[in-house]
Amino acid sequence: MKTLIALTLVCGLSNANAGFMSGNKLLQLHTNDTATAIGYVMGVHDAGDGKTFCTPDAASAGQLTDVVIQAIQRSPNVRHMSAATLIAAALYQEWPCKATKSKDLI
């Protein structure tokens, strides 16, 4: 499995400042307040869609959030990192804008 550093470079993001929300906090939020977690994921989605990743038009907010949560759950070694970085990475892995996608990013 590639490191998240490589993924961060692919997504064009920096984890120099972990910011307000970590992957751990996002998982906890998703358990306690799913609607707020979905809103956070959609905010990152709206900022990066068409640039960092290209999600299908028919994808629902719940579907996007499921992809993100599952990716973070599969990678406990990076959960301390910025949730925004992890969200963008998960969406890029699932729906890259290029014809080919990198494997095993998170």
Protein backbone atom coordinates (compact mmCIF):
# COMPACT_ATOMS: atom_id res chain seq x y z
CA MET A 1 0.00 0.00 0.00
CA LYS A 2 1.37 3.40 -0.95
CA THR A 3 1.80 6.02 1.71
CA LEU A 4 -0.60 8.88 2.15
CA ILE A 5 2.25 11.25 1.36
CA ALA A 6 2.20 10.00 -2.22
CA LEU A 7 -1.54 10.38 -2.25
CA THR A 8 -1.30 13.91 -0.90
CA LEU A 9 1.05 14.82 -3.75
CA VAL A 10 -1.28 13.25 -6.31
CA CYS A 11 -4.22 15.24 -4.94
CA GLY A 12 -2.17 18.42 -4.75
CA LEU A 13 -2.93 18.89 -1.08
CA SER A 14 -0.75 19.62 1.91
CA ASN A 15 -1.05 18.20 5.39
CA ALA A 16 1.25 20.78 7.00
CA ASN A 17 -1.68 21.96 9.10
CA ALA A 18 -4.00 19.14 10.11
CA GLY A 19 -6.73 21.75 10.47
CA PHE A 20 -10.04 21.64 12.21
CA MET A 21 -11.06 18.06 11.43
CA SER A 22 -8.95 14.88 11.41
CA GLY A 23 -9.96 11.55 9.96
CA ASN A 24 -10.51 10.30 13.53
CA LYS A 25 -12.86 13.22 14.25
CA LEU A 26 -14.72 12.68 10.99
CA LEU A 27 -15.32 9.01 11.84
CA GLN A 28 -16.58 9.99 15.29
CA LEU A 29 -18.78 12.71 13.81
CA HIS A 30 -20.19 10.25 11.28
CA THR A 31 -21.20 7.96 14.16
CA ASN A 32 -22.76 10.72 16.27
CA ASP A 33 -24.11 13.19 13.69
CA THR A 34 -24.27 11.70 10.23
CA ALA A 35 -25.87 14.76 8.64
CA THR A 36 -23.04 17.05 9.75
CA ALA A 37 -20.44 14.52 8.54
CA ILE A 38 -22.15 14.37 5.15
CA GLY A 39 -22.12 18.17 5.02
CA TYR A 40 -18.39 18.26 5.73
CA VAL A 41 -17.69 15.66 3.02
CA MET A 42 -19.84 17.58 0.54
CA GLY A 43 -18.01 20.81 1.30
CA VAL A 44 -14.68 19.21 0.42
CA HIS A 45 -16.32 17.53 -2.57
CA ASP A 46 -17.68 20.80 -3.92
CA ALA A 47 -14.26 22.44 -3.59
CA GLY A 48 -12.42 19.70 -5.51
CA ASP A 49 -14.87 18.13 -7.95
CA GLY A 50 -13.70 18.51 -11.52
CA LYS A 51 -10.19 19.47 -10.38
CA THR A 52 -8.83 16.84 -7.99
CA PHE A 53 -11.41 14.14 -8.72
CA CYS A 54 -14.41 13.76 -11.02
CA THR A 55 -17.46 12.24 -9.37
CA PRO A 56 -20.41 11.02 -11.43
CA ASP A 57 -23.33 13.43 -11.71
CA ALA A 58 -25.70 10.79 -10.31
CA ALA A 59 -23.62 10.12 -7.17
CA SER A 60 -25.54 11.01 -4.02
CA ALA A 61 -24.14 12.75 -0.96
CA GLY A 62 -24.64 9.54 1.00
CA GLN A 63 -22.75 7.52 -1.60
CA LEU A 64 -19.81 9.94 -1.59
CA THR A 65 -19.73 9.86 2.20
CA ASP A 66 -19.84 6.05 2.24
CA VAL A 67 -16.82 5.93 -0.09
CA VAL A 68 -14.91 8.33 2.17
CA ILE A 69 -15.78 6.62 5.46
CA GLN A 70 -14.91 3.18 4.09
CA ALA A 71 -11.56 4.43 2.81
CA ILE A 72 -10.68 6.01 6.16
CA GLN A 73 -11.74 2.87 8.03
CA ARG A 74 -9.44 0.77 5.81
CA SER A 75 -6.46 2.98 6.65
CA PRO A 76 -6.18 3.43 10.43
CA ASN A 77 -2.53 4.49 10.08
CA VAL A 78 -3.55 7.83 8.49
CA ARG A 79 -6.67 8.72 10.46
CA HIS A 80 -4.81 11.40 12.40
CA MET A 81 -4.33 13.41 9.20
CA SER A 82 -6.54 16.18 7.86
CA ALA A 83 -10.05 14.98 7.03
CA ALA A 84 -10.09 17.25 3.98
CA THR A 85 -6.97 15.53 2.64
CA LEU A 86 -8.41 12.08 3.34
CA ILE A 87 -11.74 12.98 1.72
CA ALA A 88 -10.07 14.27 -1.44
CA ALA A 89 -7.81 11.22 -1.55
CA ALA A 90 -10.70 8.78 -1.21
CA LEU A 91 -12.73 10.53 -3.89
CA TYR A 92 -9.71 10.71 -6.19
CA GLN A 93 -9.04 7.01 -5.72
CA GLU A 94 -12.62 6.14 -6.57
CA TRP A 95 -13.19 8.72 -9.30
CA PRO A 96 -9.98 10.15 -10.79
CA CYS A 97 -10.37 12.62 -13.62
CA LYS A 98 -7.86 10.84 -15.81
CA ALA A 99 -8.62 7.69 -17.78
CA THR A 100 -6.48 5.56 -15.45
CA LYS A 101 -6.46 5.60 -11.70
CA SER A 102 -3.63 4.99 -9.31
CA LYS A 103 -4.01 1.83 -7.24
CA ASP A 104 -3.81 1.45 -3.48
CA LEU A 105 -3.54 5.10 -2.57
CA ILE A 106 -5.33 4.63 0.76
